[in-house]
Amino acid sequence: MLGIPLIDIDAAQYASMSREMADTGNYLQLYDLGADYLDKPPLLFWLSSMSIQLLGVHDWAYRLPSILCLGLALWSTYRFTLLYYNTLTAQLATLVLATSQAFILMAHDVRCDTMLMGFVMFSIWQLAAWYQSNVWKHFVMAFVGIGLGMLTKGPIALVVPGVSFTIHFLLQRNWKQFFRWEYIIGIVIVALMLIPMSIGLYTQFDLHPGILIHGVPIQSGLRFYYWTQSFGRYTGENVFNEMNHFTFLLENMLWSFLPWIFIFLTTLVLSIKDLIKDKLKLQSHQEFIATGGFILTYCMLARSQAQLPHYIFVVLPLAAIVTAKGLYQIYFSEGFVKLQKIFLYFHGFIFSILWIAILAIVYFVFTDMPVYVKVIASFGALYFGYVLLMKQTVLPKFLYLAVYTILGVNLLLNTSFYPKLLKYELGVSAASFINQTKLPKNNIYLYEIDESRALHFYGNHSFERIFDSSLLKPQQILITKASSYSALKQKFPASSILYKNAYFGVSMLTLPFLNPATRDKEVTPYIIVALAK
């Protein structure tokens, strides 16, 4: 995973900003290629830039702090589950989270949600431990976790633990937990942690009102962060409006929470059914933090006027706990033989499709795939079929096939498909040529070509862009579309092409691109050209 280049949208942009921060040493204000940036809080950039300063400009150095937060998410999920369930259920919850498709994706396509997941689940675990033990250490760490989460992606880091415990205590009729004086200290801890970021927002935006962000004048960076960015999605103040139907996040969980999504949905429905049967009341030993926290968070996020698939990732640890409860009941206790068979047949079909898809990718999408990759993929698929037809396995067959399939498919994707695919990223290929040939970076400009944050990161330089052709001069080196060359040649007849390649927006894959026969029509040829009279 750490060897896969950064995907050229959010991950590459955040890496480029982290590199820029490490280069300038300015940690209070956020800039993106020298322009004011107001979208995400600074913690990801702070930690990643420090990592880059210590370890160098590498994609794995950018990812490292977030990878550590994924480890924190796993450990917190395990420890939280142990507070309410047996060891096997805690182990299952950790396994479910670690082998969910979203979790694996987050390990290389690193965005703010990667860190957010870790800090939010850590704060939920510590709060639960504090409610059970009244030990101050857990209380302080819980609100430190909330503060770190807010420094990562805003008020959602406070909202998720808040709604999770609110529904839990309401169902327990545990009213005293709503009126504890210690919460005041928690608020103070969070407020103190937010001071550096707040100072940066104030000095960058509040002292200079009217700065344009996405074409909208910003009067207050503090208001934007604490209100508009989160709650403005409901009031209409936020400028973004996309994917706003209620089932959007659930539809995307059909792939992002594979191979566990259908176990999760079944358990979720059964949990609600049991709660209704118990007249919406929990006993003191029962837990509804995971189920209630997921449901309420989903409902809030699904009501937003702007949604993206990764918004729900913050509560995937809660979904993993719910799923683990279902796995334990279905496969490690008696009375669910029919349900076991239904899940095995249903998932056997789904997993078979995944193996067929990976074989199609390995054999037909990139025809220059090494032979050993094809052999490994073929043996992997054959072994899957062998296990599927076996009468007995040491572990429950569904569990074995689920883990084997998701790890096997992603191993092949990460070691063969993604490296081939990401060669079509403009920034990766262009930066590689620039670094190898040691071209003078201060003399390289972007001209009539799409932006690529990966170029600035892997090139370890903020390349300027020329918009006006009248500013073009001899001796300049341009990265431009191949279609621009004829006009450049007329103005600079002695110009020479130093490098040719083609690029494609790999985050928006299409069937014509995946088809080798039609791929050339989908890609955009580009060149690196040296201007000369």
Protein backbone atom coordinates (compact mmCIF):
# COMPACT_ATOMS: atom_id res chain seq x y z
CA MET A 1 0.00 0.00 0.00
CA LEU A 2 2.79 2.40 0.88
CA GLY A 3 4.30 1.89 -2.59
CA ILE A 4 1.18 3.04 -4.45
CA PRO A 5 1.42 6.62 -5.79
CA LEU A 6 -1.02 9.17 -4.41
CA ILE A 7 -4.33 9.48 -6.24
CA ASP A 8 -4.50 12.91 -7.81
CA ILE A 9 -7.43 14.53 -6.05
CA ASP A 10 -7.65 15.01 -2.27
CA ALA A 11 -4.71 12.83 -1.21
CA ALA A 12 -2.30 14.45 -3.67
CA GLN A 13 -3.58 17.92 -2.80
CA TYR A 14 -3.12 17.37 0.94
CA ALA A 15 0.33 15.89 0.36
CA SER A 16 1.28 18.89 -1.79
CA MET A 17 0.06 21.27 0.91
CA SER A 18 1.97 19.35 3.58
CA ARG A 19 5.14 19.56 1.48
CA GLU A 20 4.53 23.29 0.97
CA MET A 21 4.05 23.76 4.73
CA ALA A 22 7.27 21.88 5.45
CA ASP A 23 9.05 24.05 2.87
CA THR A 24 7.77 27.41 4.17
CA GLY A 25 7.65 26.57 7.87
CA ASN A 26 4.31 28.40 8.18
CA TYR A 27 2.12 26.26 10.42
CA LEU A 28 -0.55 28.76 11.44
CA GLN A 29 -1.96 29.62 8.01
CA LEU A 30 -2.84 27.10 5.31
CA TYR A 31 -1.90 27.62 1.67
CA ASP A 32 -2.38 25.58 -1.47
CA LEU A 33 0.22 26.52 -4.09
CA GLY A 34 0.52 29.91 -2.45
CA ALA A 35 -3.25 30.58 -2.45
CA ASP A 36 -5.28 30.93 0.76
CA TYR A 37 -6.87 27.63 1.73
CA LEU A 38 -10.03 27.29 3.82
CA ASP A 39 -11.61 23.86 3.76
CA LYS A 40 -10.07 21.38 6.18
CA PRO A 41 -8.54 21.99 9.63
CA PRO A 42 -4.75 21.84 9.93
CA LEU A 43 -3.86 18.72 11.94
CA LEU A 44 -3.34 16.43 8.91
CA PHE A 45 -1.07 19.06 7.37
CA TRP A 46 0.80 19.68 10.61
CA LEU A 47 1.59 16.03 11.25
CA SER A 48 2.29 15.10 7.63
CA SER A 49 4.57 18.11 7.10
CA MET A 50 6.53 17.18 10.24
CA SER A 51 6.83 13.64 8.93
CA ILE A 52 8.05 14.97 5.57
CA GLN A 53 10.59 17.22 7.30
CA LEU A 54 11.96 14.26 9.25
CA LEU A 55 11.81 11.58 6.57
CA GLY A 56 11.88 13.44 3.26
CA VAL A 57 9.39 14.13 0.48
CA HIS A 58 7.95 10.65 0.02
CA ASP A 59 4.34 9.54 -0.27
CA TRP A 60 4.90 7.05 2.55
CA ALA A 61 6.15 9.88 4.78
CA TYR A 62 2.96 11.81 4.06
CA ARG A 63 0.85 8.75 4.83
CA LEU A 64 2.69 7.61 7.96
CA PRO A 65 0.83 9.72 10.61
CA SER A 66 -2.51 8.63 9.14
CA ILE A 67 -1.46 4.97 9.08
CA LEU A 68 -0.68 5.26 12.79
CA CYS A 69 -4.18 6.64 13.32
CA LEU A 70 -5.62 3.59 11.57
CA GLY A 71 -3.77 1.49 14.13
CA LEU A 72 -5.32 3.65 16.85
CA ALA A 73 -8.77 2.98 15.36
CA LEU A 74 -8.20 -0.78 15.47
CA TRP A 75 -6.89 -0.74 19.05
CA SER A 76 -9.71 1.53 20.24
CA THR A 77 -12.33 -0.66 18.57
CA TYR A 78 -10.92 -3.74 20.28
CA ARG A 79 -10.72 -2.12 23.73
CA PHE A 80 -14.16 -0.52 23.49
CA THR A 81 -15.77 -3.82 22.50
CA LEU A 82 -14.07 -5.57 25.43
CA LEU A 83 -15.85 -3.20 27.81
CA TYR A 84 -19.23 -4.71 26.86
CA TYR A 85 -18.62 -8.06 25.15
CA ASN A 86 -16.37 -11.10 25.28
CA THR A 87 -12.87 -11.37 23.82
CA LEU A 88 -13.98 -13.19 20.67
CA THR A 89 -16.47 -10.45 19.79
CA ALA A 90 -13.75 -7.83 20.31
CA GLN A 91 -11.41 -9.79 18.05
CA LEU A 92 -14.14 -10.09 15.41
CA ALA A 93 -14.85 -6.34 15.54
CA THR A 94 -11.17 -5.58 14.98
CA LEU A 95 -10.98 -8.10 12.15
CA VAL A 96 -14.09 -6.70 10.47
CA LEU A 97 -12.77 -3.14 10.57
CA ALA A 98 -9.27 -4.10 9.38
CA THR A 99 -10.60 -6.11 6.43
CA SER A 100 -13.32 -3.73 5.26
CA GLN A 101 -12.71 -2.31 1.80
CA ALA A 102 -12.89 1.28 3.04
CA PHE A 103 -10.23 0.64 5.69
CA ILE A 104 -7.84 -0.86 3.13
CA LEU A 105 -8.52 2.03 0.74
CA MET A 106 -7.90 4.60 3.48
CA ALA A 107 -4.43 3.19 4.05
CA HIS A 108 -3.19 4.49 0.68
CA ASP A 109 -5.77 7.09 -0.42
CA VAL A 110 -5.12 9.14 2.71
CA ARG A 111 -7.54 11.98 3.45
CA CYS A 112 -8.64 13.66 6.68
CA ASP A 113 -11.12 10.83 7.34
CA THR A 114 -8.24 8.41 8.00
CA MET A 115 -7.08 10.37 11.04
CA LEU A 116 -10.62 11.30 12.02
CA MET A 117 -11.66 7.65 12.34
CA GLY A 118 -8.82 6.96 14.77
CA PHE A 119 -9.39 9.98 17.00
CA VAL A 120 -13.19 9.60 17.12
CA MET A 121 -13.09 5.91 18.01
CA PHE A 122 -10.39 6.60 20.59
CA SER A 123 -12.56 9.27 22.25
CA ILE A 124 -15.60 6.93 22.28
CA TRP A 125 -13.55 4.18 23.92
CA GLN A 126 -12.11 6.53 26.53
CA LEU A 127 -15.51 8.03 27.33
CA ALA A 128 -17.00 4.57 27.77
CA ALA A 129 -14.11 3.62 30.06
CA TRP A 130 -14.64 6.80 32.09
CA TYR A 131 -18.38 6.23 32.46
CA GLN A 132 -17.65 2.75 33.80
CA SER A 133 -14.70 3.56 36.06
CA ASN A 134 -14.79 7.33 36.82
CA VAL A 135 -11.01 7.36 36.33
CA TRP A 136 -9.87 10.86 35.35
CA LYS A 137 -7.22 9.59 32.96
CA HIS A 138 -9.93 8.25 30.66
CA PHE A 139 -11.90 11.49 30.86
CA VAL A 140 -8.93 13.67 29.91
CA MET A 141 -7.86 11.37 27.07
CA ALA A 142 -11.42 11.28 25.73
CA PHE A 143 -11.56 15.04 25.32
CA VAL A 144 -8.01 15.15 23.98
CA GLY A 145 -9.23 12.70 21.34
CA ILE A 146 -12.22 14.94 20.58
CA GLY A 147 -9.92 17.96 20.28
CA LEU A 148 -7.60 16.13 17.91
CA GLY A 149 -10.59 15.03 15.86
CA MET A 150 -11.87 18.60 15.63
CA LEU A 151 -8.41 19.71 14.51
CA THR A 152 -8.66 17.05 11.82
CA LYS A 153 -12.13 17.57 10.37
CA GLY A 154 -14.19 19.87 12.51
CA PRO A 155 -17.20 19.58 14.84
CA ILE A 156 -18.14 16.10 13.55
CA ALA A 157 -15.50 14.78 15.99
CA LEU A 158 -17.60 16.11 18.88
CA VAL A 159 -20.96 15.26 17.34
CA VAL A 160 -20.33 11.53 16.81
CA PRO A 161 -19.38 10.70 20.44
CA GLY A 162 -22.10 13.07 21.62
CA VAL A 163 -24.97 11.41 19.75
CA SER A 164 -23.59 7.90 20.43
CA PHE A 165 -23.75 8.30 24.21
CA THR A 166 -26.89 10.46 24.17
CA ILE A 167 -29.04 7.73 22.59
CA HIS A 168 -27.40 5.12 24.83
CA PHE A 169 -28.20 6.97 28.06
CA LEU A 170 -31.70 7.91 26.90
CA LEU A 171 -32.53 4.25 26.31
CA GLN A 172 -31.04 3.34 29.71
CA ARG A 173 -32.99 6.18 31.35
CA ASN A 174 -29.66 7.13 32.88
CA TRP A 175 -30.48 10.83 33.31
CA LYS A 176 -27.66 11.74 35.69
CA GLN A 177 -25.08 11.30 32.94
CA PHE A 178 -26.47 14.36 31.16
CA PHE A 179 -25.73 16.69 34.09
CA ARG A 180 -22.16 16.08 35.14
CA TRP A 181 -19.98 19.06 36.07
CA GLU A 182 -16.91 17.35 34.57
CA TYR A 183 -18.15 18.20 31.07
CA ILE A 184 -17.13 21.82 31.70
CA ILE A 185 -13.52 20.71 32.12
CA GLY A 186 -13.83 18.66 28.92
CA ILE A 187 -14.99 21.73 27.01
CA VAL A 188 -12.02 23.69 28.40
CA ILE A 189 -9.60 20.95 27.24
CA VAL A 190 -11.01 21.03 23.72
CA ALA A 191 -11.05 24.85 23.64
CA LEU A 192 -7.40 25.03 24.66
CA MET A 193 -6.43 22.55 21.94
CA LEU A 194 -8.25 24.63 19.30
CA ILE A 195 -6.44 27.88 20.15
CA PRO A 196 -3.52 27.56 17.65
CA MET A 197 -5.88 26.76 14.78
CA SER A 198 -8.24 29.57 15.78
CA ILE A 199 -5.38 32.07 15.85
CA GLY A 200 -4.36 30.96 12.36
CA LEU A 201 -7.91 31.34 11.02
CA TYR A 202 -8.30 34.75 12.62
CA THR A 203 -5.02 36.17 11.33
CA GLN A 204 -5.46 34.69 7.84
CA PHE A 205 -9.12 35.53 7.23
CA ASP A 206 -10.83 37.58 9.95
CA LEU A 207 -8.14 40.26 9.77
CA HIS A 208 -8.44 40.27 5.97
CA PRO A 209 -12.18 39.93 5.22
CA GLY A 210 -13.27 39.40 1.64
CA ILE A 211 -10.70 36.79 0.57
CA LEU A 212 -12.32 34.68 -2.15
CA ILE A 213 -12.63 30.93 -1.52
CA HIS A 214 -14.42 28.98 -4.27
CA GLY A 215 -15.59 32.32 -5.63
CA VAL A 216 -17.24 33.31 -2.33
CA PRO A 217 -15.87 36.20 -0.17
CA ILE A 218 -15.01 34.97 3.32
CA GLN A 219 -15.66 37.46 6.10
CA SER A 220 -14.62 35.19 8.97
CA GLY A 221 -12.48 32.07 8.95
CA LEU A 222 -13.63 31.28 12.49
CA ARG A 223 -17.30 31.34 11.49
CA PHE A 224 -16.55 29.22 8.43
CA TYR A 225 -14.81 26.53 10.47
CA TYR A 226 -17.11 26.44 13.49
CA TRP A 227 -20.38 26.85 11.60
CA THR A 228 -20.53 27.08 7.79
CA GLN A 229 -18.34 24.11 6.87
CA SER A 230 -20.42 21.68 8.98
CA PHE A 231 -23.81 23.12 9.83
CA GLY A 232 -23.96 25.27 6.69
CA ARG A 233 -24.57 22.03 4.80
CA TYR A 234 -28.04 22.00 6.38
CA THR A 235 -28.81 25.73 6.32
CA GLY A 236 -27.76 26.18 2.69
CA GLU A 237 -24.82 28.49 3.54
CA ASN A 238 -22.29 25.96 2.24
CA VAL A 239 -21.63 26.48 -1.48
CA PHE A 240 -21.42 22.76 -2.29
CA ASN A 241 -24.51 20.82 -3.29
CA GLU A 242 -23.95 17.29 -4.57
CA MET A 243 -25.10 13.73 -3.95
CA ASN A 244 -27.71 14.85 -1.42
CA HIS A 245 -30.25 12.00 -1.50
CA PHE A 246 -30.76 10.12 1.77
CA THR A 247 -29.57 6.69 0.60
CA PHE A 248 -26.37 7.88 -1.09
CA LEU A 249 -24.05 6.86 1.76
CA LEU A 250 -25.76 3.50 2.18
CA GLU A 251 -25.47 2.79 -1.54
CA ASN A 252 -21.73 3.42 -1.34
CA MET A 253 -21.39 1.24 1.74
CA LEU A 254 -22.37 -1.67 -0.50
CA TRP A 255 -18.78 -1.54 -1.78
CA SER A 256 -16.94 0.35 0.97
CA PHE A 257 -17.99 -2.06 3.75
CA LEU A 258 -17.46 -5.24 1.76
CA PRO A 259 -17.28 -8.09 2.64
CA TRP A 260 -19.33 -7.41 5.77
CA ILE A 261 -22.09 -5.06 4.62
CA PHE A 262 -24.93 -7.59 4.50
CA ILE A 263 -24.07 -9.11 7.88
CA PHE A 264 -24.01 -5.56 9.24
CA LEU A 265 -27.39 -4.61 7.77
CA THR A 266 -28.99 -7.82 9.04
CA THR A 267 -27.61 -7.29 12.54
CA LEU A 268 -28.67 -3.64 12.50
CA VAL A 269 -32.26 -4.57 11.68
CA LEU A 270 -32.32 -7.33 14.32
CA SER A 271 -30.89 -4.95 16.95
CA ILE A 272 -33.62 -2.42 16.29
CA LYS A 273 -36.23 -5.17 16.35
CA ASP A 274 -34.96 -6.41 19.74
CA LEU A 275 -34.96 -2.86 21.10
CA ILE A 276 -38.58 -2.36 20.06
CA LYS A 277 -39.46 -5.72 21.64
CA ASP A 278 -37.86 -4.45 24.88
CA LYS A 279 -40.03 -1.30 24.70
CA LEU A 280 -37.08 0.97 23.85
CA LYS A 281 -35.35 0.35 27.15
CA LEU A 282 -31.84 -0.95 27.82
CA GLN A 283 -30.64 -2.74 30.91
CA SER A 284 -27.62 -1.26 32.71
CA HIS A 285 -25.26 -3.89 31.24
CA GLN A 286 -26.47 -3.46 27.65
CA GLU A 287 -24.78 -1.27 25.03
CA PHE A 288 -26.41 0.76 22.25
CA ILE A 289 -23.52 3.17 21.67
CA ALA A 290 -22.35 1.51 18.47
CA THR A 291 -25.77 0.90 16.91
CA GLY A 292 -27.27 4.22 17.97
CA GLY A 293 -24.13 6.17 17.15
CA PHE A 294 -24.03 4.77 13.63
CA ILE A 295 -27.76 5.34 12.97
CA LEU A 296 -27.86 8.93 14.25
CA THR A 297 -24.60 9.90 12.55
CA TYR A 298 -25.81 8.39 9.29
CA CYS A 299 -29.11 10.30 9.50
CA MET A 300 -27.31 13.58 10.10
CA LEU A 301 -24.79 13.06 7.31
CA ALA A 302 -27.48 11.84 4.91
CA ARG A 303 -29.47 15.04 5.41
CA SER A 304 -26.54 17.16 4.25
CA GLN A 305 -26.81 19.00 0.94
CA ALA A 306 -23.31 17.75 0.02
CA GLN A 307 -22.17 14.15 0.51
CA LEU A 308 -19.22 12.05 -0.60
CA PRO A 309 -18.74 8.29 -0.05
CA HIS A 310 -15.98 8.71 2.54
CA TYR A 311 -18.09 10.88 4.88
CA ILE A 312 -19.51 7.75 6.54
CA PHE A 313 -16.06 6.26 7.17
CA VAL A 314 -15.86 8.01 10.55
CA VAL A 315 -18.36 5.54 12.04
CA LEU A 316 -17.12 2.37 10.36
CA PRO A 317 -15.62 1.22 13.70
CA LEU A 318 -19.14 1.37 15.14
CA ALA A 319 -20.44 -0.58 12.14
CA ALA A 320 -17.67 -3.14 12.74
CA ILE A 321 -18.80 -3.62 16.35
CA VAL A 322 -22.41 -4.13 15.26
CA THR A 323 -21.21 -6.62 12.63
CA ALA A 324 -19.09 -8.50 15.16
CA LYS A 325 -22.14 -8.95 17.39
CA GLY A 326 -23.96 -10.48 14.42
CA LEU A 327 -21.04 -12.73 13.47
CA TYR A 328 -20.80 -14.02 17.02
CA GLN A 329 -24.52 -14.75 17.25
CA ILE A 330 -24.74 -16.40 13.83
CA TYR A 331 -21.49 -18.40 13.70
CA PHE A 332 -20.37 -18.93 17.28
CA SER A 333 -23.66 -19.72 19.01
CA GLU A 334 -26.37 -22.23 18.21
CA GLY A 335 -29.63 -21.82 16.36
CA PHE A 336 -28.70 -20.00 13.13
CA VAL A 337 -27.90 -22.89 10.77
CA LYS A 338 -30.37 -21.76 8.09
CA LEU A 339 -29.07 -18.19 8.21
CA GLN A 340 -25.50 -19.49 7.89
CA LYS A 341 -26.41 -21.32 4.69
CA ILE A 342 -28.20 -18.30 3.24
CA PHE A 343 -25.21 -16.05 3.90
CA LEU A 344 -22.77 -18.62 2.51
CA TYR A 345 -24.63 -19.04 -0.79
CA PHE A 346 -25.29 -15.32 -1.16
CA HIS A 347 -21.75 -14.24 -0.37
CA GLY A 348 -20.25 -17.12 -2.32
CA PHE A 349 -21.89 -15.58 -5.38
CA ILE A 350 -20.65 -12.07 -4.55
CA PHE A 351 -17.10 -13.21 -3.80
CA SER A 352 -17.04 -15.20 -7.03
CA ILE A 353 -17.87 -12.02 -8.93
CA LEU A 354 -14.97 -10.25 -7.19
CA TRP A 355 -12.52 -12.99 -8.21
CA ILE A 356 -13.83 -12.97 -11.78
CA ALA A 357 -13.40 -9.17 -11.82
CA ILE A 358 -9.80 -9.36 -10.62
CA LEU A 359 -9.01 -12.01 -13.24
CA ALA A 360 -10.51 -9.77 -15.92
CA ILE A 361 -8.38 -6.86 -14.70
CA VAL A 362 -5.19 -8.93 -14.60
CA TYR A 363 -5.69 -10.61 -17.97
CA PHE A 364 -7.48 -8.00 -20.08
CA VAL A 365 -7.24 -4.43 -18.70
CA PHE A 366 -3.44 -4.10 -18.83
CA THR A 367 -2.10 -6.52 -21.40
CA ASP A 368 1.52 -6.04 -20.25
CA MET A 369 0.80 -7.47 -16.80
CA PRO A 370 3.65 -9.81 -15.74
CA VAL A 371 2.98 -13.52 -16.19
CA TYR A 372 3.62 -14.27 -12.51
CA VAL A 373 0.79 -11.89 -11.55
CA LYS A 374 -1.60 -13.76 -13.83
CA VAL A 375 -0.46 -17.08 -12.36
CA ILE A 376 -0.95 -15.85 -8.77
CA ALA A 377 -4.39 -14.46 -9.60
CA SER A 378 -5.42 -17.72 -11.26
CA PHE A 379 -4.26 -19.85 -8.34
CA GLY A 380 -5.96 -17.45 -5.92
CA ALA A 381 -9.28 -17.83 -7.73
CA LEU A 382 -8.92 -21.63 -7.97
CA TYR A 383 -8.18 -21.88 -4.24
CA PHE A 384 -11.25 -19.76 -3.51
CA GLY A 385 -13.37 -22.20 -5.53
CA TYR A 386 -11.76 -25.14 -3.70
CA VAL A 387 -12.57 -23.71 -0.26
CA LEU A 388 -16.09 -22.80 -1.38
CA LEU A 389 -16.75 -26.43 -2.30
CA MET A 390 -15.11 -27.89 0.81
CA LYS A 391 -17.48 -29.54 3.26
CA GLN A 392 -15.74 -28.27 6.38
CA THR A 393 -13.20 -25.61 7.37
CA VAL A 394 -11.52 -24.87 10.70
CA LEU A 395 -13.15 -21.44 10.89
CA PRO A 396 -16.72 -20.79 9.75
CA LYS A 397 -16.54 -20.99 5.96
CA PHE A 398 -18.11 -17.57 5.38
CA LEU A 399 -15.58 -15.91 7.67
CA TYR A 400 -12.68 -17.69 5.98
CA LEU A 401 -13.87 -16.84 2.46
CA ALA A 402 -14.63 -13.21 3.36
CA VAL A 403 -11.17 -12.48 4.77
CA TYR A 404 -9.40 -14.49 2.07
CA THR A 405 -11.29 -12.74 -0.74
CA ILE A 406 -10.93 -9.17 0.46
CA LEU A 407 -7.22 -9.57 1.25
CA GLY A 408 -6.46 -11.54 -1.91
CA VAL A 409 -8.29 -9.16 -4.24
CA ASN A 410 -6.73 -6.08 -2.64
CA LEU A 411 -3.26 -7.61 -2.68
CA LEU A 412 -3.58 -8.06 -6.44
CA LEU A 413 -5.06 -4.58 -6.89
CA ASN A 414 -2.35 -2.90 -4.83
CA THR A 415 0.61 -4.75 -6.33
CA SER A 416 -0.48 -4.90 -9.98
CA PHE A 417 -3.53 -2.85 -10.94
CA TYR A 418 -2.92 0.42 -9.07
CA PRO A 419 0.75 0.75 -10.07
CA LYS A 420 -0.23 0.30 -13.74
CA LEU A 421 -3.22 2.62 -13.45
CA LEU A 422 -1.42 5.44 -11.68
CA LYS A 423 1.18 5.68 -14.42
CA TYR A 424 -1.60 7.57 -16.20
CA GLU A 425 -1.50 10.30 -13.59
CA LEU A 426 -0.01 13.44 -15.06
CA GLY A 427 1.90 14.38 -11.94
CA VAL A 428 3.47 10.99 -11.31
CA SER A 429 4.89 10.50 -14.81
CA ALA A 430 5.90 14.14 -15.42
CA ALA A 431 7.60 14.53 -12.02
CA SER A 432 9.47 11.27 -12.53
CA PHE A 433 10.92 12.54 -15.82
CA ILE A 434 11.78 15.95 -14.35
CA ASN A 435 13.56 14.39 -11.38
CA GLN A 436 15.46 11.85 -13.47
CA THR A 437 16.67 14.41 -16.02
CA LYS A 438 17.29 17.10 -13.37
CA LEU A 439 15.53 19.80 -15.36
CA PRO A 440 15.67 23.29 -13.77
CA LYS A 441 12.39 23.34 -11.82
CA ASN A 442 12.28 27.13 -11.45
CA ASN A 443 12.07 27.35 -15.23
CA ILE A 444 9.25 24.80 -15.69
CA TYR A 445 5.69 26.08 -16.10
CA LEU A 446 2.22 24.62 -16.61
CA TYR A 447 0.45 25.91 -19.70
CA GLU A 448 -2.99 24.98 -21.09
CA ILE A 449 -3.14 21.75 -19.09
CA ASP A 450 -5.12 20.40 -16.15
CA GLU A 451 -3.87 20.91 -12.61
CA SER A 452 -2.04 18.06 -10.91
CA ARG A 453 -1.19 18.33 -7.23
CA ALA A 454 0.82 15.12 -7.54
CA LEU A 455 3.19 17.00 -9.85
CA HIS A 456 3.99 19.56 -7.16
CA PHE A 457 4.41 16.88 -4.50
CA TYR A 458 6.52 14.36 -6.42
CA GLY A 459 8.42 17.18 -8.14
CA ASN A 460 9.14 18.69 -4.69
CA HIS A 461 8.41 22.12 -6.12
CA SER A 462 5.45 24.46 -6.59
CA PHE A 463 5.37 24.83 -10.37
CA GLU A 464 3.89 28.09 -11.60
CA ARG A 465 1.23 28.33 -14.27
CA ILE A 466 1.24 30.67 -17.30
CA PHE A 467 -2.22 31.71 -18.44
CA ASP A 468 -1.36 34.35 -21.03
CA SER A 469 0.55 33.27 -24.16
CA SER A 470 2.16 36.71 -24.32
CA LEU A 471 4.17 35.79 -21.21
CA LEU A 472 5.83 32.84 -22.91
CA LYS A 473 9.57 33.30 -23.47
CA PRO A 474 12.44 31.34 -25.03
CA GLN A 475 14.29 28.98 -22.67
CA GLN A 476 11.14 28.27 -20.70
CA ILE A 477 10.09 24.64 -20.30
CA LEU A 478 6.36 23.95 -20.51
CA ILE A 479 4.19 21.06 -19.43
CA THR A 480 1.26 21.30 -21.82
CA LYS A 481 -1.22 19.27 -23.84
CA ALA A 482 0.17 17.85 -27.06
CA SER A 483 -2.58 19.70 -28.94
CA SER A 484 -0.93 23.01 -27.96
CA TYR A 485 2.36 22.17 -29.67
CA SER A 486 1.49 23.38 -33.18
CA ALA A 487 0.68 26.90 -31.91
CA LEU A 488 3.83 26.93 -29.78
CA LYS A 489 5.90 25.80 -32.74
CA GLN A 490 4.68 28.74 -34.82
CA LYS A 491 5.76 31.21 -32.14
CA PHE A 492 8.93 29.34 -31.13
CA PRO A 493 10.04 27.43 -34.26
CA ALA A 494 13.16 25.93 -32.66
CA SER A 495 11.20 24.37 -29.79
CA SER A 496 11.82 20.70 -29.00
CA ILE A 497 9.79 18.05 -27.25
CA LEU A 498 11.67 16.61 -24.29
CA TYR A 499 9.05 14.09 -23.16
CA LYS A 500 5.74 12.64 -24.35
CA ASN A 501 3.09 10.77 -22.41
CA ALA A 502 -0.66 10.64 -21.83
CA TYR A 503 -2.77 11.15 -18.73
CA PHE A 504 -6.24 10.29 -17.47
CA GLY A 505 -8.30 11.23 -14.41
CA VAL A 506 -7.87 7.87 -12.69
CA SER A 507 -10.33 8.65 -9.90
CA MET A 508 -13.13 8.62 -12.50
CA LEU A 509 -12.58 5.30 -14.27
CA THR A 510 -14.65 4.51 -17.34
CA LEU A 511 -15.18 1.28 -19.27
CA PRO A 512 -13.68 2.76 -22.48
CA PHE A 513 -10.49 3.57 -20.53
CA LEU A 514 -10.33 0.10 -19.01
CA ASN A 515 -10.70 -1.41 -22.48
CA PRO A 516 -7.22 -1.46 -24.11
CA ALA A 517 -8.81 -1.19 -27.56
CA THR A 518 -10.44 2.18 -26.79
CA ARG A 519 -8.04 3.55 -24.13
CA ASP A 520 -6.11 5.78 -26.54
CA LYS A 521 -9.30 7.73 -27.27
CA GLU A 522 -9.86 8.38 -23.56
CA VAL A 523 -6.42 9.63 -22.54
CA THR A 524 -5.04 13.13 -23.08
CA PRO A 525 -1.56 13.26 -24.67
CA TYR A 526 0.79 15.77 -23.09
CA ILE A 527 4.34 16.92 -23.66
CA ILE A 528 7.20 18.63 -21.89
CA VAL A 529 8.58 21.11 -24.40
CA ALA A 530 11.58 23.45 -24.33
CA LEU A 531 10.76 26.78 -26.01
CA ALA A 532 13.33 28.25 -28.40
CA LYS A 533 13.26 30.79 -31.23
